[in-house]
Amino acid sequence: MALPRILLVHGAATTASVWRPVLALLGDLDAVAVDRPCSGDLEIELAALAPLAEGAFVVGVSGGATLTLALAASPVALAGGIAHEPAVGSLVPGLLAPMAAAFAEGGTARFATTLYGPLWRPELGPRDPDAVARELPMFRAFEPEPARPGQGPVLATVGGDSPAPRHAAAEALSARLGYETAVLPGCRHFLPQEHPAALAALIRTRLAS
């Protein structure tokens, strides 16, 4: 049986370029990273991703993980997926408050370094200076739902070295919504840049199973 396409979905303040280290490690597989519209409208984002997500194994980090959860709850049929540290709305109130404060104080650069850490750099960010201003309210307003019945299995992951609210988010996704979860030892939020080999290995493991 042929393996499904792997769709890599980026988050706020990044573009598809953030996935280059992971794509290099998945070179023998059908893997694609796409630039989203970054519209600030959840329905527009899902509509843009749906044609590639149908039948695919979807992997998202940060805002991309949030969109992975949204796809899992939608009519789009996924082969499965990985959502690393998504937004979880009222399950963990205030999860994104530090990033919102950083954006108010220092714009996209402060937002991105607060969210992703020191490996974020401007060339990974969107050309549109207003993109984060549109996307941040969308991700803060997002409320996750259980995966649609019959959907391929979606794993919610959290970095072992990530702060406590991220672990609380993963626990809530498991306890309240039934998502399978896993802790990635030694990892944090910016997985495609900090630990691409760990993410590529996890993708291969999930596809093999």
N, C-alpha and C. Protein backbone atom coordinates (compact mmCIF):
# COMPACT_ATOMS: atom_id res chain seq x y z
N MET A 1 0.85 -1.19 0.00
CA MET A 1 0.00 0.00 0.00
C MET A 1 0.89 1.24 0.00
N ALA A 2 0.55 2.19 -0.87
CA ALA A 2 1.33 3.43 -0.95
C ALA A 2 1.08 4.27 0.29
N LEU A 3 2.12 4.92 0.74
CA LEU A 3 1.98 5.82 1.88
C LEU A 3 1.29 7.11 1.43
N PRO A 4 0.55 7.75 2.35
CA PRO A 4 -0.13 8.99 1.98
C PRO A 4 0.85 10.15 1.84
N ARG A 5 0.41 11.18 1.16
CA ARG A 5 1.17 12.42 1.12
C ARG A 5 1.30 12.98 2.54
N ILE A 6 2.42 13.61 2.82
CA ILE A 6 2.64 14.31 4.09
C ILE A 6 2.48 15.80 3.82
N LEU A 7 1.55 16.44 4.50
CA LEU A 7 1.33 17.87 4.36
C LEU A 7 1.84 18.57 5.60
N LEU A 8 2.80 19.47 5.44
CA LEU A 8 3.41 20.20 6.55
C LEU A 8 2.83 21.61 6.60
N VAL A 9 2.28 21.99 7.75
CA VAL A 9 1.55 23.24 7.89
C VAL A 9 2.26 24.16 8.88
N HIS A 10 2.60 25.35 8.43
CA HIS A 10 3.33 26.29 9.29
C HIS A 10 2.39 27.12 10.15
N GLY A 11 2.96 27.74 11.18
CA GLY A 11 2.20 28.57 12.09
C GLY A 11 2.37 30.05 11.82
N ALA A 12 1.96 30.88 12.79
CA ALA A 12 2.06 32.32 12.66
C ALA A 12 3.52 32.75 12.67
N ALA A 13 3.80 33.84 11.96
CA ALA A 13 5.14 34.45 11.89
C ALA A 13 6.17 33.56 11.22
N THR A 14 5.71 32.55 10.48
CA THR A 14 6.61 31.72 9.69
C THR A 14 5.97 31.48 8.32
N THR A 15 6.74 30.85 7.44
CA THR A 15 6.26 30.44 6.12
C THR A 15 6.63 28.97 5.93
N ALA A 16 6.35 28.46 4.75
CA ALA A 16 6.70 27.07 4.46
C ALA A 16 8.21 26.83 4.57
N SER A 17 9.00 27.88 4.49
CA SER A 17 10.46 27.74 4.57
C SER A 17 10.92 27.14 5.90
N VAL A 18 10.09 27.25 6.92
CA VAL A 18 10.46 26.72 8.24
C VAL A 18 10.63 25.19 8.20
N TRP A 19 10.03 24.56 7.19
CA TRP A 19 10.03 23.11 7.10
C TRP A 19 11.21 22.53 6.31
N ARG A 20 12.09 23.36 5.80
CA ARG A 20 13.16 22.85 4.93
C ARG A 20 14.01 21.76 5.59
N PRO A 21 14.41 21.89 6.86
CA PRO A 21 15.20 20.80 7.45
C PRO A 21 14.44 19.48 7.52
N VAL A 22 13.14 19.55 7.76
CA VAL A 22 12.33 18.33 7.83
C VAL A 22 12.15 17.73 6.44
N LEU A 23 11.88 18.57 5.45
CA LEU A 23 11.73 18.07 4.08
C LEU A 23 12.99 17.36 3.60
N ALA A 24 14.15 17.88 3.99
CA ALA A 24 15.41 17.25 3.58
C ALA A 24 15.53 15.84 4.15
N LEU A 25 14.96 15.63 5.33
CA LEU A 25 15.03 14.32 5.98
C LEU A 25 13.93 13.37 5.51
N LEU A 26 12.95 13.91 4.81
CA LEU A 26 11.84 13.10 4.29
C LEU A 26 11.91 13.01 2.77
N GLY A 27 13.10 13.18 2.21
CA GLY A 27 13.24 13.30 0.77
C GLY A 27 12.77 12.11 -0.03
N ASP A 28 12.69 10.94 0.57
CA ASP A 28 12.24 9.75 -0.15
C ASP A 28 10.72 9.58 -0.09
N LEU A 29 10.04 10.47 0.61
CA LEU A 29 8.60 10.38 0.76
C LEU A 29 7.91 11.53 0.02
N ASP A 30 6.63 11.39 -0.20
CA ASP A 30 5.83 12.44 -0.83
C ASP A 30 5.43 13.44 0.25
N ALA A 31 6.25 14.46 0.43
CA ALA A 31 6.02 15.46 1.47
C ALA A 31 6.03 16.85 0.85
N VAL A 32 5.11 17.69 1.30
CA VAL A 32 5.01 19.03 0.76
C VAL A 32 4.70 20.01 1.89
N ALA A 33 5.33 21.18 1.82
CA ALA A 33 5.03 22.29 2.74
C ALA A 33 4.46 23.43 1.91
N VAL A 34 3.36 23.99 2.37
CA VAL A 34 2.69 25.04 1.60
C VAL A 34 2.62 26.33 2.40
N ASP A 35 2.64 27.44 1.68
CA ASP A 35 2.42 28.74 2.31
C ASP A 35 0.91 28.99 2.39
N ARG A 36 0.43 29.18 3.59
CA ARG A 36 -1.00 29.45 3.80
C ARG A 36 -1.33 30.91 3.45
N PRO A 37 -2.62 31.25 3.32
CA PRO A 37 -2.98 32.64 3.05
C PRO A 37 -2.68 33.58 4.21
N CYS A 38 -2.64 33.03 5.45
CA CYS A 38 -2.44 33.88 6.65
C CYS A 38 -3.47 35.00 6.68
N SER A 39 -4.72 34.59 6.47
CA SER A 39 -5.83 35.54 6.30
C SER A 39 -6.40 36.03 7.62
N GLY A 40 -6.22 35.26 8.68
CA GLY A 40 -6.89 35.57 9.94
C GLY A 40 -8.30 35.03 10.00
N ASP A 41 -8.73 34.30 8.99
CA ASP A 41 -10.07 33.71 8.92
C ASP A 41 -9.91 32.20 8.87
N LEU A 42 -10.40 31.50 9.89
CA LEU A 42 -10.20 30.06 9.99
C LEU A 42 -10.78 29.32 8.78
N GLU A 43 -11.94 29.72 8.32
CA GLU A 43 -12.57 29.02 7.20
C GLU A 43 -11.75 29.19 5.92
N ILE A 44 -11.18 30.36 5.72
CA ILE A 44 -10.34 30.58 4.54
C ILE A 44 -9.09 29.71 4.61
N GLU A 45 -8.50 29.62 5.80
CA GLU A 45 -7.30 28.80 5.95
C GLU A 45 -7.61 27.33 5.69
N LEU A 46 -8.71 26.84 6.23
CA LEU A 46 -9.07 25.44 6.04
C LEU A 46 -9.41 25.15 4.58
N ALA A 47 -10.09 26.07 3.93
CA ALA A 47 -10.43 25.88 2.52
C ALA A 47 -9.18 25.82 1.65
N ALA A 48 -8.17 26.61 2.01
CA ALA A 48 -6.93 26.61 1.25
C ALA A 48 -6.16 25.30 1.44
N LEU A 49 -6.23 24.73 2.63
CA LEU A 49 -5.50 23.51 2.93
C LEU A 49 -6.24 22.25 2.49
N ALA A 50 -7.56 22.29 2.41
CA ALA A 50 -8.37 21.09 2.21
C ALA A 50 -7.97 20.26 1.00
N PRO A 51 -7.72 20.84 -0.17
CA PRO A 51 -7.40 19.99 -1.33
C PRO A 51 -6.15 19.14 -1.13
N LEU A 52 -5.14 19.69 -0.47
CA LEU A 52 -3.92 18.92 -0.20
C LEU A 52 -4.06 18.03 1.01
N ALA A 53 -4.92 18.42 1.96
CA ALA A 53 -5.08 17.65 3.19
C ALA A 53 -5.93 16.40 2.99
N GLU A 54 -6.80 16.40 2.01
CA GLU A 54 -7.68 15.25 1.78
C GLU A 54 -6.84 14.00 1.52
N GLY A 55 -6.99 13.01 2.40
CA GLY A 55 -6.26 11.76 2.29
C GLY A 55 -4.82 11.83 2.72
N ALA A 56 -4.37 12.97 3.25
CA ALA A 56 -2.96 13.17 3.60
C ALA A 56 -2.72 12.96 5.09
N PHE A 57 -1.45 12.82 5.42
CA PHE A 57 -1.00 12.80 6.80
C PHE A 57 -0.52 14.22 7.09
N VAL A 58 -1.24 14.93 7.95
CA VAL A 58 -1.02 16.36 8.16
C VAL A 58 -0.19 16.58 9.42
N VAL A 59 0.86 17.37 9.29
CA VAL A 59 1.75 17.67 10.41
C VAL A 59 1.81 19.18 10.57
N GLY A 60 1.49 19.64 11.77
CA GLY A 60 1.53 21.07 12.03
C GLY A 60 2.21 21.37 13.34
N VAL A 61 2.86 22.50 13.39
CA VAL A 61 3.51 22.98 14.61
C VAL A 61 2.97 24.37 14.92
N SER A 62 2.68 24.61 16.20
CA SER A 62 2.18 25.91 16.66
C SER A 62 0.84 26.21 15.97
N GLY A 63 0.72 27.33 15.25
CA GLY A 63 -0.53 27.61 14.56
C GLY A 63 -0.86 26.54 13.53
N GLY A 64 0.17 25.93 12.94
CA GLY A 64 -0.08 24.82 12.02
C GLY A 64 -0.68 23.62 12.72
N ALA A 65 -0.30 23.42 13.98
CA ALA A 65 -0.91 22.35 14.78
C ALA A 65 -2.37 22.67 15.09
N THR A 66 -2.65 23.93 15.34
CA THR A 66 -4.03 24.36 15.57
C THR A 66 -4.88 24.06 14.35
N LEU A 67 -4.35 24.36 13.18
CA LEU A 67 -5.08 24.07 11.95
C LEU A 67 -5.20 22.57 11.70
N THR A 68 -4.22 21.80 12.13
CA THR A 68 -4.31 20.34 12.03
C THR A 68 -5.48 19.83 12.86
N LEU A 69 -5.65 20.36 14.08
CA LEU A 69 -6.80 19.96 14.90
C LEU A 69 -8.11 20.37 14.23
N ALA A 70 -8.12 21.56 13.64
CA ALA A 70 -9.34 22.02 12.96
C ALA A 70 -9.67 21.12 11.78
N LEU A 71 -8.66 20.70 11.03
CA LEU A 71 -8.89 19.77 9.92
C LEU A 71 -9.39 18.43 10.43
N ALA A 72 -8.84 17.96 11.55
CA ALA A 72 -9.26 16.66 12.10
C ALA A 72 -10.73 16.66 12.48
N ALA A 73 -11.24 17.82 12.88
CA ALA A 73 -12.64 17.93 13.28
C ALA A 73 -13.56 18.26 12.10
N SER A 74 -12.98 18.46 10.92
CA SER A 74 -13.74 18.89 9.75
C SER A 74 -14.14 17.70 8.88
N PRO A 75 -14.90 17.93 7.80
CA PRO A 75 -15.24 16.82 6.89
C PRO A 75 -14.06 16.33 6.05
N VAL A 76 -12.94 17.04 6.05
CA VAL A 76 -11.77 16.59 5.28
C VAL A 76 -11.25 15.29 5.87
N ALA A 77 -11.10 14.26 5.04
CA ALA A 77 -10.66 12.95 5.50
C ALA A 77 -9.14 12.90 5.55
N LEU A 78 -8.57 12.77 6.74
CA LEU A 78 -7.13 12.71 6.92
C LEU A 78 -6.69 11.25 7.08
N ALA A 79 -5.49 10.95 6.60
CA ALA A 79 -4.89 9.66 6.89
C ALA A 79 -4.40 9.60 8.33
N GLY A 80 -4.22 10.76 8.92
CA GLY A 80 -3.74 10.90 10.29
C GLY A 80 -2.97 12.20 10.40
N GLY A 81 -2.29 12.39 11.52
CA GLY A 81 -1.54 13.62 11.65
C GLY A 81 -0.82 13.75 12.97
N ILE A 82 -0.05 14.81 13.06
CA ILE A 82 0.66 15.20 14.28
C ILE A 82 0.42 16.68 14.49
N ALA A 83 -0.01 17.05 15.69
CA ALA A 83 -0.23 18.45 16.04
C ALA A 83 0.67 18.78 17.23
N HIS A 84 1.76 19.53 16.97
CA HIS A 84 2.71 19.83 18.03
C HIS A 84 2.40 21.19 18.65
N GLU A 85 1.93 21.15 19.88
CA GLU A 85 1.68 22.33 20.71
C GLU A 85 0.72 23.34 20.05
N PRO A 86 -0.52 22.88 19.80
CA PRO A 86 -1.53 23.78 19.23
C PRO A 86 -2.11 24.73 20.28
N ALA A 87 -2.85 25.71 19.79
CA ALA A 87 -3.71 26.50 20.66
C ALA A 87 -4.90 25.64 21.08
N VAL A 88 -5.38 25.87 22.31
CA VAL A 88 -6.48 25.03 22.80
C VAL A 88 -7.61 25.84 23.42
N GLY A 89 -7.66 27.14 23.15
CA GLY A 89 -8.76 27.96 23.58
C GLY A 89 -9.01 27.92 25.08
N SER A 90 -10.27 27.72 25.46
CA SER A 90 -10.66 27.77 26.86
C SER A 90 -10.21 26.55 27.66
N LEU A 91 -9.62 25.54 26.99
CA LEU A 91 -9.09 24.41 27.74
C LEU A 91 -7.94 24.85 28.64
N VAL A 92 -7.14 25.79 28.18
CA VAL A 92 -6.06 26.37 28.99
C VAL A 92 -6.08 27.88 28.75
N PRO A 93 -6.93 28.61 29.47
CA PRO A 93 -7.02 30.05 29.27
C PRO A 93 -5.66 30.72 29.51
N GLY A 94 -5.34 31.66 28.66
CA GLY A 94 -4.10 32.40 28.83
C GLY A 94 -2.89 31.76 28.19
N LEU A 95 -3.07 30.62 27.51
CA LEU A 95 -1.92 29.94 26.90
C LEU A 95 -1.15 30.87 25.96
N LEU A 96 -1.87 31.67 25.20
CA LEU A 96 -1.23 32.55 24.22
C LEU A 96 -1.07 33.98 24.72
N ALA A 97 -1.40 34.23 25.97
CA ALA A 97 -1.30 35.59 26.50
C ALA A 97 0.13 36.16 26.43
N PRO A 98 1.17 35.39 26.76
CA PRO A 98 2.53 35.96 26.66
C PRO A 98 2.89 36.38 25.25
N MET A 99 2.43 35.62 24.25
CA MET A 99 2.71 35.99 22.87
C MET A 99 1.93 37.23 22.44
N ALA A 100 0.69 37.34 22.91
CA ALA A 100 -0.09 38.53 22.60
C ALA A 100 0.56 39.78 23.21
N ALA A 101 1.03 39.65 24.44
CA ALA A 101 1.71 40.78 25.09
C ALA A 101 3.00 41.13 24.35
N ALA A 102 3.72 40.12 23.91
CA ALA A 102 4.96 40.38 23.17
C ALA A 102 4.68 41.09 21.86
N PHE A 103 3.61 40.69 21.17
CA PHE A 103 3.27 41.35 19.92
C PHE A 103 2.89 42.81 20.16
N ALA A 104 2.13 43.06 21.23
CA ALA A 104 1.74 44.43 21.54
C ALA A 104 2.95 45.30 21.85
N GLU A 105 3.97 44.70 22.43
CA GLU A 105 5.16 45.45 22.82
C GLU A 105 6.17 45.61 21.69
N GLY A 106 6.31 44.58 20.85
CA GLY A 106 7.40 44.63 19.88
C GLY A 106 7.10 44.07 18.52
N GLY A 107 5.83 43.93 18.17
CA GLY A 107 5.48 43.49 16.84
C GLY A 107 5.85 42.05 16.55
N THR A 108 5.99 41.76 15.25
CA THR A 108 6.20 40.39 14.81
C THR A 108 7.47 39.78 15.38
N ALA A 109 8.57 40.52 15.39
CA ALA A 109 9.84 39.97 15.87
C ALA A 109 9.76 39.57 17.33
N ARG A 110 9.18 40.43 18.18
CA ARG A 110 9.07 40.09 19.59
C ARG A 110 8.11 38.92 19.79
N PHE A 111 7.01 38.93 19.04
CA PHE A 111 6.06 37.82 19.10
C PHE A 111 6.76 36.50 18.75
N ALA A 112 7.50 36.50 17.65
CA ALA A 112 8.08 35.27 17.15
C ALA A 112 9.18 34.74 18.05
N THR A 113 10.02 35.60 18.58
CA THR A 113 11.09 35.12 19.46
C THR A 113 10.52 34.66 20.80
N THR A 114 9.42 35.26 21.24
CA THR A 114 8.76 34.80 22.46
C THR A 114 8.14 33.42 22.24
N LEU A 115 7.55 33.22 21.09
CA LEU A 115 6.88 31.95 20.79
C LEU A 115 7.87 30.85 20.42
N TYR A 116 8.79 31.18 19.53
CA TYR A 116 9.66 30.16 18.95
C TYR A 116 11.06 30.10 19.56
N GLY A 117 11.49 31.17 20.20
CA GLY A 117 12.83 31.18 20.77
C GLY A 117 13.86 31.78 19.83
N PRO A 118 15.14 31.66 20.17
CA PRO A 118 16.19 32.39 19.46
C PRO A 118 16.48 31.87 18.05
N LEU A 119 15.98 30.69 17.69
CA LEU A 119 16.25 30.20 16.33
C LEU A 119 15.34 30.85 15.28
N TRP A 120 14.29 31.54 15.73
CA TRP A 120 13.50 32.28 14.74
C TRP A 120 14.33 33.44 14.21
N ARG A 121 14.22 33.68 12.92
CA ARG A 121 14.91 34.79 12.29
C ARG A 121 14.00 35.39 11.22
N PRO A 122 14.19 36.66 10.90
CA PRO A 122 13.24 37.35 10.01
C PRO A 122 13.01 36.66 8.68
N GLU A 123 14.02 35.99 8.12
CA GLU A 123 13.83 35.36 6.81
C GLU A 123 12.87 34.19 6.88
N LEU A 124 12.56 33.68 8.06
CA LEU A 124 11.55 32.63 8.21
C LEU A 124 10.14 33.20 8.29
N GLY A 125 10.03 34.51 8.45
CA GLY A 125 8.73 35.14 8.66
C GLY A 125 8.05 35.55 7.37
N PRO A 126 6.79 35.94 7.46
CA PRO A 126 6.03 36.35 6.27
C PRO A 126 6.50 37.72 5.76
N ARG A 127 6.34 37.92 4.47
CA ARG A 127 6.68 39.23 3.90
C ARG A 127 5.64 40.29 4.27
N ASP A 128 4.42 39.83 4.47
CA ASP A 128 3.33 40.76 4.82
C ASP A 128 3.48 41.20 6.27
N PRO A 129 3.73 42.47 6.53
CA PRO A 129 3.94 42.92 7.91
C PRO A 129 2.70 42.84 8.78
N ASP A 130 1.53 42.68 8.17
CA ASP A 130 0.28 42.64 8.94
C ASP A 130 -0.21 41.21 9.19
N ALA A 131 0.57 40.21 8.75
CA ALA A 131 0.09 38.83 8.84
C ALA A 131 -0.17 38.40 10.28
N VAL A 132 0.75 38.68 11.19
CA VAL A 132 0.58 38.25 12.58
C VAL A 132 -0.60 38.98 13.23
N ALA A 133 -0.77 40.23 12.91
CA ALA A 133 -1.90 40.98 13.47
C ALA A 133 -3.23 40.35 13.09
N ARG A 134 -3.30 39.76 11.89
CA ARG A 134 -4.53 39.07 11.48
C ARG A 134 -4.66 37.70 12.14
N GLU A 135 -3.54 36.98 12.23
CA GLU A 135 -3.61 35.58 12.67
C GLU A 135 -3.74 35.41 14.18
N LEU A 136 -3.13 36.29 14.93
CA LEU A 136 -3.13 36.12 16.39
C LEU A 136 -4.55 36.05 16.96
N PRO A 137 -5.47 36.95 16.58
CA PRO A 137 -6.84 36.82 17.11
C PRO A 137 -7.51 35.52 16.70
N MET A 138 -7.23 35.05 15.49
CA MET A 138 -7.83 33.78 15.03
C MET A 138 -7.39 32.62 15.91
N PHE A 139 -6.11 32.55 16.18
CA PHE A 139 -5.61 31.43 16.99
C PHE A 139 -6.03 31.57 18.45
N ARG A 140 -6.12 32.79 18.96
CA ARG A 140 -6.57 32.96 20.35
C ARG A 140 -8.04 32.58 20.50
N ALA A 141 -8.82 32.76 19.45
CA ALA A 141 -10.26 32.45 19.52
C ALA A 141 -10.57 30.99 19.23
N PHE A 142 -9.60 30.23 18.75
CA PHE A 142 -9.84 28.85 18.35
C PHE A 142 -10.26 27.99 19.54
N GLU A 143 -11.29 27.18 19.34
CA GLU A 143 -11.73 26.20 20.33
C GLU A 143 -11.66 24.81 19.71
N PRO A 144 -10.80 23.94 20.23
CA PRO A 144 -10.66 22.61 19.63
C PRO A 144 -11.88 21.74 19.87
N GLU A 145 -12.08 20.80 18.96
CA GLU A 145 -13.16 19.84 19.06
C GLU A 145 -12.59 18.44 18.89
N PRO A 146 -13.32 17.42 19.29
CA PRO A 146 -12.84 16.05 19.03
C PRO A 146 -12.68 15.80 17.54
N ALA A 147 -11.80 14.90 17.21
CA ALA A 147 -11.67 14.50 15.81
C ALA A 147 -12.98 13.89 15.32
N ARG A 148 -13.28 14.14 14.06
CA ARG A 148 -14.49 13.58 13.47
C ARG A 148 -14.44 12.06 13.52
N PRO A 149 -15.54 11.39 13.83
CA PRO A 149 -15.56 9.92 13.83
C PRO A 149 -15.07 9.36 12.50
N GLY A 150 -14.19 8.38 12.57
CA GLY A 150 -13.64 7.77 11.37
C GLY A 150 -12.40 8.46 10.85
N GLN A 151 -12.03 9.56 11.47
CA GLN A 151 -10.84 10.30 11.03
C GLN A 151 -9.58 9.49 11.33
N GLY A 152 -8.55 9.65 10.50
CA GLY A 152 -7.27 9.02 10.81
C GLY A 152 -6.73 9.55 12.13
N PRO A 153 -5.92 8.75 12.84
CA PRO A 153 -5.47 9.14 14.18
C PRO A 153 -4.54 10.36 14.16
N VAL A 154 -4.86 11.32 15.00
CA VAL A 154 -4.06 12.54 15.13
C VAL A 154 -3.42 12.55 16.51
N LEU A 155 -2.11 12.64 16.53
CA LEU A 155 -1.33 12.65 17.77
C LEU A 155 -1.02 14.09 18.15
N ALA A 156 -1.35 14.49 19.37
CA ALA A 156 -0.99 15.80 19.89
C ALA A 156 0.28 15.66 20.73
N THR A 157 1.32 16.41 20.38
CA THR A 157 2.60 16.28 21.06
C THR A 157 2.96 17.57 21.80
N VAL A 158 3.84 17.41 22.77
CA VAL A 158 4.36 18.55 23.54
C VAL A 158 5.83 18.29 23.81
N GLY A 159 6.62 19.34 23.77
CA GLY A 159 8.04 19.19 24.05
C GLY A 159 8.30 18.94 25.53
N GLY A 160 9.20 18.03 25.82
CA GLY A 160 9.53 17.76 27.21
C GLY A 160 10.08 18.96 27.94
N ASP A 161 10.74 19.87 27.21
CA ASP A 161 11.31 21.06 27.81
C ASP A 161 10.43 22.29 27.66
N SER A 162 9.21 22.10 27.17
CA SER A 162 8.27 23.22 27.04
C SER A 162 7.67 23.58 28.40
N PRO A 163 7.18 24.82 28.54
CA PRO A 163 6.64 25.25 29.84
C PRO A 163 5.36 24.52 30.23
N ALA A 164 5.02 24.64 31.50
CA ALA A 164 3.89 23.90 32.07
C ALA A 164 2.57 24.11 31.34
N PRO A 165 2.23 25.33 30.89
CA PRO A 165 0.95 25.48 30.19
C PRO A 165 0.84 24.63 28.93
N ARG A 166 1.95 24.38 28.26
CA ARG A 166 1.91 23.53 27.06
C ARG A 166 1.60 22.08 27.45
N HIS A 167 2.15 21.63 28.56
CA HIS A 167 1.84 20.28 29.04
C HIS A 167 0.38 20.20 29.48
N ALA A 168 -0.12 21.26 30.11
CA ALA A 168 -1.52 21.27 30.50
C ALA A 168 -2.43 21.21 29.28
N ALA A 169 -2.00 21.86 28.19
CA ALA A 169 -2.80 21.83 26.96
C ALA A 169 -2.88 20.42 26.40
N ALA A 170 -1.75 19.72 26.37
CA ALA A 170 -1.76 18.34 25.87
C ALA A 170 -2.63 17.45 26.75
N GLU A 171 -2.51 17.63 28.06
CA GLU A 171 -3.33 16.82 28.98
C GLU A 171 -4.81 17.08 28.78
N ALA A 172 -5.17 18.33 28.53
CA ALA A 172 -6.58 18.67 28.31
C ALA A 172 -7.09 18.08 27.00
N LEU A 173 -6.26 18.11 25.96
CA LEU A 173 -6.68 17.52 24.70
C LEU A 173 -6.95 16.02 24.85
N SER A 174 -6.18 15.36 25.70
CA SER A 174 -6.39 13.95 25.95
C SER A 174 -7.62 13.70 26.82
N ALA A 175 -7.67 14.39 27.95
CA ALA A 175 -8.73 14.12 28.92
C ALA A 175 -10.10 14.60 28.47
N ARG A 176 -10.13 15.75 27.81
CA ARG A 176 -11.42 16.36 27.45
C ARG A 176 -11.89 15.98 26.05
N LEU A 177 -10.94 15.77 25.13
CA LEU A 177 -11.35 15.58 23.74
C LEU A 177 -10.90 14.25 23.14
N GLY A 178 -10.16 13.46 23.91
CA GLY A 178 -9.83 12.12 23.47
C GLY A 178 -8.67 11.98 22.52
N TYR A 179 -7.86 13.01 22.36
CA TYR A 179 -6.70 12.90 21.47
C TYR A 179 -5.59 12.09 22.13
N GLU A 180 -4.93 11.27 21.33
CA GLU A 180 -3.72 10.61 21.78
C GLU A 180 -2.62 11.67 21.93
N THR A 181 -1.81 11.59 22.98
CA THR A 181 -0.77 12.58 23.21
C THR A 181 0.56 11.90 23.48
N ALA A 182 1.63 12.65 23.28
CA ALA A 182 2.98 12.15 23.57
C ALA A 182 3.88 13.32 23.92
N VAL A 183 4.81 13.08 24.83
CA VAL A 183 5.83 14.06 25.21
C VAL A 183 7.10 13.73 24.43
N LEU A 184 7.69 14.73 23.80
CA LEU A 184 8.92 14.55 23.04
C LEU A 184 10.09 15.01 23.89
N PRO A 185 10.87 14.09 24.44
CA PRO A 185 11.95 14.46 25.37
C PRO A 185 12.97 15.40 24.73
N GLY A 186 13.39 16.39 25.51
CA GLY A 186 14.43 17.30 25.06
C GLY A 186 13.99 18.31 24.03
N CYS A 187 12.70 18.34 23.69
CA CYS A 187 12.20 19.24 22.65
C CYS A 187 11.41 20.40 23.26
N ARG A 188 11.23 21.42 22.43
CA ARG A 188 10.41 22.57 22.81
C ARG A 188 9.44 22.88 21.67
N HIS A 189 9.12 24.17 21.50
CA HIS A 189 8.04 24.54 20.59
C HIS A 189 8.45 24.52 19.11
N PHE A 190 9.65 24.98 18.82
CA PHE A 190 10.05 25.24 17.43
C PHE A 190 10.65 23.98 16.80
N LEU A 191 9.88 22.93 16.79
CA LEU A 191 10.36 21.60 16.45
C LEU A 191 11.02 21.51 15.07
N PRO A 192 10.46 22.10 14.01
CA PRO A 192 11.08 21.92 12.69
C PRO A 192 12.48 22.49 12.58
N GLN A 193 12.80 23.50 13.39
CA GLN A 193 14.12 24.11 13.34
C GLN A 193 15.05 23.57 14.43
N GLU A 194 14.51 23.30 15.60
CA GLU A 194 15.34 22.86 16.73
C GLU A 194 15.62 21.36 16.69
N HIS A 195 14.63 20.57 16.32
CA HIS A 195 14.78 19.11 16.34
C HIS A 195 14.13 18.48 15.11
N PRO A 196 14.58 18.84 13.91
CA PRO A 196 13.95 18.28 12.70
C PRO A 196 14.09 16.76 12.61
N ALA A 197 15.22 16.22 13.09
CA ALA A 197 15.41 14.76 13.01
C ALA A 197 14.40 14.03 13.88
N ALA A 198 14.13 14.57 15.07
CA ALA A 198 13.15 13.95 15.95
C ALA A 198 11.76 13.97 15.32
N LEU A 199 11.41 15.08 14.68
CA LEU A 199 10.10 15.17 14.05
C LEU A 199 10.02 14.25 12.84
N ALA A 200 11.06 14.21 12.02
CA ALA A 200 11.04 13.33 10.85
C ALA A 200 10.93 11.87 11.28
N ALA A 201 11.63 11.49 12.34
CA ALA A 201 11.55 10.12 12.84
C ALA A 201 10.16 9.80 13.35
N LEU A 202 9.54 10.75 14.02
CA LEU A 202 8.19 10.52 14.52
C LEU A 202 7.20 10.37 13.37
N ILE A 203 7.35 11.19 12.34
CA ILE A 203 6.48 11.07 11.17
C ILE A 203 6.62 9.67 10.55
N ARG A 204 7.83 9.21 10.40
CA ARG A 204 8.05 7.89 9.82
C ARG A 204 7.44 6.79 10.70
N THR A 205 7.58 6.93 12.00
CA THR A 205 7.03 5.95 12.92
C THR A 205 5.50 5.89 12.82
N ARG A 206 4.88 7.05 12.78
CA ARG A 206 3.42 7.10 12.70
C ARG A 206 2.93 6.54 11.36
N LEU A 207 3.64 6.84 10.29
CA LEU A 207 3.23 6.31 8.98
C LEU A 207 3.38 4.80 8.95
N ALA A 208 4.44 4.30 9.57
CA ALA A 208 4.67 2.85 9.57
C ALA A 208 3.61 2.10 10.36
N SER A 209 3.03 2.76 11.34
CA SER A 209 2.03 2.10 12.17
C SER A 209 0.63 2.23 11.61
